[in-house]
Amino acid sequence: MADLGELKIPAAMLPAAEAIIALTDQVCPELLDEEYAGLARSVVAKLARKRPSPIQSGRASTWAGAVVYALGQVNFLFDSATKPYATADELSAAVGVAKSTLSAKAKQVRDLTKMSWGTAEFLREDMIEASPMIWLIQADGLIVDARELPLPVQAQAFELGVIPYIPALGRHRCLAERERACITLTASGTPTLRDAPQAQCRRQPALKGQVAARTAPTAPGNTR
């Protein structure tokens, strides 16, 4: 099993969370891929931190299947045009739980975690890149695509938490440099990269509001 230390799972919920994650770690790489496995761990940890936590009761296999099912819904897993692709029946067989049970429990997972198409923390990287809702922000009263803004404004939006990463840097470089504290805001509020040219660190208008259309439609319930 992957190291769960960074997931901040309460000690009291660790046994239940580990049992569920052991199953998602087994099913996802076999049926889907490692990226789904990582997302599933994060969702289980989020459920474990709820007070009271819903995973205190119920079978681990039901929760494991429901978490993957819910992630599959918002990432279009059940659409044959996407990769990876699986049917609800295949997922049901993999976890040994009826499809109708998984569907009902998946709705509970989505409701508890506020999971939707527009919530980047639950989306695969290719879905984040393809989703316009993730990148629409309000800047100076205008709705704009953050990917078309200058780097300093992208950096400020990232620091404010309204976009998942800085498009100009790419997901992996952005998150790596954040870990090294290379992306910072100056005392005046100007976003800057320590290794960026000084010309890129000029004062930019402050961003206002949150991501446009942050409340996305409910995840699709249709499966194949």
Protein backbone atom coordinates (compact mmCIF):
# COMPACT_ATOMS: atom_id res chain seq x y z
CA MET A 1 0.00 0.00 0.00
CA ALA A 2 1.13 3.55 -0.71
CA ASP A 3 2.40 5.74 2.13
CA LEU A 4 -0.65 7.38 3.70
CA GLY A 5 1.27 9.81 5.90
CA GLU A 6 0.55 12.86 3.73
CA LEU A 7 -3.22 12.24 3.62
CA LYS A 8 -3.80 13.53 7.18
CA ILE A 9 -6.17 10.72 8.12
CA PRO A 10 -7.26 10.89 11.79
CA ALA A 11 -5.77 8.07 13.84
CA ALA A 12 -9.20 6.81 14.87
CA MET A 13 -10.23 6.42 11.22
CA LEU A 14 -6.97 4.96 9.97
CA PRO A 15 -7.99 1.26 10.12
CA ALA A 16 -11.20 1.89 8.14
CA ALA A 17 -9.43 4.13 5.63
CA GLU A 18 -6.60 1.65 5.15
CA ALA A 19 -9.05 -1.16 4.43
CA ILE A 20 -10.78 0.91 1.76
CA ILE A 21 -7.56 2.21 0.23
CA ALA A 22 -6.12 -1.31 0.08
CA LEU A 23 -9.02 -2.18 -2.23
CA THR A 24 -8.84 0.95 -4.38
CA ASP A 25 -5.07 0.48 -4.68
CA GLN A 26 -5.75 -3.01 -5.99
CA VAL A 27 -8.69 -2.29 -8.29
CA CYS A 28 -7.56 0.98 -9.88
CA PRO A 29 -4.20 -0.18 -11.32
CA GLU A 30 -5.75 -3.41 -12.58
CA LEU A 31 -8.91 -1.95 -14.11
CA LEU A 32 -7.96 1.72 -14.63
CA ASP A 33 -4.56 3.26 -13.80
CA GLU A 34 -2.39 4.71 -11.04
CA GLU A 35 -3.81 8.21 -11.44
CA TYR A 36 -7.26 6.96 -10.44
CA ALA A 37 -5.65 5.17 -7.49
CA GLY A 38 -4.11 8.42 -6.27
CA LEU A 39 -7.39 10.32 -6.62
CA ALA A 40 -9.21 7.55 -4.75
CA ARG A 41 -6.78 7.79 -1.81
CA SER A 42 -7.44 11.52 -1.55
CA VAL A 43 -11.21 11.03 -1.59
CA VAL A 44 -11.07 8.31 1.09
CA ALA A 45 -8.91 10.60 3.26
CA LYS A 46 -11.40 13.42 2.79
CA LEU A 47 -14.24 11.14 3.89
CA ALA A 48 -12.17 9.97 6.87
CA ARG A 49 -11.75 13.57 8.04
CA LYS A 50 -15.50 14.20 8.11
CA ARG A 51 -17.06 14.47 11.58
CA PRO A 52 -18.63 12.05 12.00
CA SER A 53 -16.94 10.08 9.25
CA PRO A 54 -19.31 8.05 7.07
CA ILE A 55 -16.72 5.32 6.55
CA GLN A 56 -17.10 4.27 10.19
CA SER A 57 -19.93 2.05 9.02
CA GLY A 58 -20.48 -0.05 5.93
CA ARG A 59 -18.34 -2.54 4.02
CA ALA A 60 -14.91 -1.47 2.82
CA SER A 61 -15.65 -2.95 -0.62
CA THR A 62 -18.79 -0.82 -0.96
CA TRP A 63 -16.95 2.37 -0.05
CA ALA A 64 -14.02 1.49 -2.30
CA GLY A 65 -16.27 0.83 -5.26
CA ALA A 66 -18.36 3.92 -4.59
CA VAL A 67 -15.31 6.18 -4.43
CA VAL A 68 -14.01 4.89 -7.76
CA TYR A 69 -17.52 5.02 -9.26
CA ALA A 70 -17.94 8.67 -8.19
CA LEU A 71 -14.52 9.61 -9.59
CA GLY A 72 -15.41 7.78 -12.77
CA GLN A 73 -18.59 9.80 -13.16
CA VAL A 74 -16.87 13.19 -12.99
CA ASN A 75 -13.99 11.98 -15.18
CA PHE A 76 -16.25 10.31 -17.80
CA LEU A 77 -14.87 6.85 -17.10
CA PHE A 78 -18.04 5.27 -18.45
CA ASP A 79 -17.73 7.06 -21.81
CA SER A 80 -16.01 4.78 -24.31
CA ALA A 81 -14.37 7.79 -25.95
CA THR A 82 -12.19 8.38 -22.88
CA LYS A 83 -9.07 6.58 -21.73
CA PRO A 84 -9.02 4.69 -19.45
CA TYR A 85 -12.51 3.36 -20.04
CA ALA A 86 -14.53 0.84 -18.06
CA THR A 87 -18.18 -0.01 -17.68
CA ALA A 88 -20.11 0.14 -14.44
CA ASP A 89 -20.58 -3.61 -14.71
CA GLU A 90 -16.81 -4.14 -14.87
CA LEU A 91 -16.28 -1.98 -11.81
CA SER A 92 -19.07 -3.81 -9.99
CA ALA A 93 -17.45 -7.15 -10.75
CA ALA A 94 -14.01 -5.90 -9.70
CA VAL A 95 -15.17 -4.90 -6.20
CA GLY A 96 -17.86 -7.56 -5.80
CA VAL A 97 -20.67 -5.08 -5.12
CA ALA A 98 -23.93 -4.64 -7.05
CA LYS A 99 -23.97 -1.80 -9.57
CA SER A 100 -27.14 -0.30 -8.07
CA THR A 101 -25.47 -0.20 -4.63
CA LEU A 102 -22.38 1.48 -6.06
CA SER A 103 -24.48 4.07 -7.88
CA ALA A 104 -26.40 5.03 -4.73
CA LYS A 105 -23.28 5.13 -2.55
CA ALA A 106 -21.38 7.11 -5.19
CA LYS A 107 -24.00 9.86 -4.96
CA GLN A 108 -23.37 9.99 -1.22
CA VAL A 109 -19.64 10.30 -1.87
CA ARG A 110 -20.17 13.13 -4.35
CA ASP A 111 -22.52 14.98 -1.99
CA LEU A 112 -20.24 14.63 1.03
CA THR A 113 -17.12 15.79 -0.83
CA LYS A 114 -18.87 18.32 -3.11
CA MET A 115 -17.40 16.44 -6.04
CA SER A 116 -18.29 17.75 -9.50
CA TRP A 117 -16.97 18.33 -13.00
CA GLY A 118 -15.77 21.76 -11.91
CA THR A 119 -13.74 20.67 -8.87
CA ALA A 120 -10.12 20.26 -9.92
CA GLU A 121 -9.00 18.19 -6.92
CA PHE A 122 -11.14 15.28 -8.14
CA LEU A 123 -10.21 15.44 -11.82
CA ARG A 124 -7.56 13.65 -13.81
CA GLU A 125 -4.86 15.80 -15.36
CA ASP A 126 -6.20 15.43 -18.89
CA MET A 127 -9.67 16.44 -17.69
CA ILE A 128 -8.30 19.53 -15.95
CA GLU A 129 -6.53 20.60 -19.12
CA ALA A 130 -9.65 20.07 -21.21
CA SER A 131 -12.19 21.64 -18.84
CA PRO A 132 -12.91 25.32 -19.52
CA MET A 133 -14.74 25.70 -16.20
CA ILE A 134 -11.56 25.05 -14.25
CA TRP A 135 -9.80 27.99 -15.88
CA LEU A 136 -12.52 30.65 -15.95
CA ILE A 137 -11.83 33.29 -13.29
CA GLN A 138 -13.02 36.79 -12.53
CA ALA A 139 -10.37 39.50 -12.81
CA ASP A 140 -11.34 43.15 -12.48
CA GLY A 141 -14.96 42.25 -13.00
CA LEU A 142 -14.33 40.34 -16.23
CA ILE A 143 -14.63 36.59 -16.77
CA VAL A 144 -11.43 35.44 -18.45
CA ASP A 145 -9.56 32.24 -19.23
CA ALA A 146 -6.61 32.14 -16.82
CA ARG A 147 -4.52 30.33 -19.44
CA GLU A 148 -4.52 33.48 -21.58
CA LEU A 149 -3.37 35.83 -18.81
CA PRO A 150 0.23 37.02 -18.18
CA LEU A 151 2.38 34.79 -15.98
CA PRO A 152 2.31 37.09 -12.91
CA VAL A 153 -1.49 37.13 -12.91
CA GLN A 154 -1.57 33.36 -13.31
CA ALA A 155 0.78 33.10 -10.33
CA GLN A 156 -1.49 35.31 -8.25
CA ALA A 157 -4.55 33.27 -9.19
CA PHE A 158 -2.69 30.11 -8.20
CA GLU A 159 -1.65 31.55 -4.84
CA LEU A 160 -5.26 32.57 -4.20
CA GLY A 161 -6.32 29.01 -4.93
CA VAL A 162 -8.64 29.80 -7.83
CA ILE A 163 -6.72 27.71 -10.39
CA PRO A 164 -5.05 24.32 -9.76
CA TYR A 165 -1.64 25.28 -11.18
CA ILE A 166 0.09 27.94 -13.29
CA PRO A 167 -0.64 27.11 -16.94
CA ALA A 168 2.47 28.90 -18.23
CA LEU A 169 4.68 26.60 -16.13
CA GLY A 170 2.73 23.39 -16.52
CA ARG A 171 1.32 21.27 -13.71
CA HIS A 172 4.45 19.34 -12.71
CA ARG A 173 6.91 22.25 -12.72
CA CYS A 174 4.42 24.49 -10.95
CA LEU A 175 3.75 22.08 -8.10
CA ALA A 176 7.43 21.19 -7.79
CA GLU A 177 8.44 24.85 -7.52
CA ARG A 178 5.70 25.49 -5.00
CA GLU A 179 7.18 22.72 -2.85
CA ARG A 180 10.53 24.53 -3.06
CA ALA A 181 8.77 27.82 -2.18
CA CYS A 182 9.86 29.37 -5.47
CA ILE A 183 6.41 30.78 -6.14
CA THR A 184 5.66 33.58 -3.73
CA LEU A 185 3.79 36.84 -3.33
CA THR A 186 5.75 39.95 -2.42
CA ALA A 187 4.70 42.17 0.49
CA SER A 188 2.87 44.44 -1.94
CA GLY A 189 0.87 41.50 -3.27
CA THR A 190 2.70 41.19 -6.56
CA PRO A 191 3.03 37.57 -7.70
CA THR A 192 6.57 36.57 -8.57
CA LEU A 193 8.74 33.60 -9.45
CA ARG A 194 12.17 33.77 -7.89
CA ASP A 195 13.82 32.57 -11.06
CA ALA A 196 11.61 34.62 -13.40
CA PRO A 197 12.89 37.69 -15.26
CA GLN A 198 12.29 40.87 -13.29
CA ALA A 199 10.13 42.24 -16.09
CA GLN A 200 7.56 39.56 -15.36
CA CYS A 201 7.12 40.69 -11.77
CA ARG A 202 5.39 44.01 -12.38
CA ARG A 203 2.32 45.07 -10.45
CA GLN A 204 -0.90 43.47 -11.70
CA PRO A 205 -4.54 44.28 -10.86
CA ALA A 206 -5.81 42.23 -7.95
CA LEU A 207 -8.00 39.27 -8.76
CA LYS A 208 -11.51 39.47 -7.38
CA GLY A 209 -13.97 36.69 -6.62
CA GLN A 210 -13.62 33.03 -7.23
CA VAL A 211 -13.56 30.74 -10.21
CA ALA A 212 -16.53 31.43 -12.45
CA ALA A 213 -19.07 28.62 -12.49
CA ARG A 214 -17.32 26.98 -9.53
CA THR A 215 -20.59 25.22 -8.76
CA ALA A 216 -20.75 22.81 -11.66
CA PRO A 217 -23.65 20.57 -12.68
CA THR A 218 -24.12 17.39 -10.69
CA ALA A 219 -22.02 14.52 -11.96
CA PRO A 220 -23.69 12.39 -14.63
CA GLY A 221 -25.61 9.41 -13.43
CA ASN A 222 -25.79 7.56 -16.73
CA THR A 223 -23.50 4.60 -17.19
CA ARG A 224 -22.85 1.97 -19.80
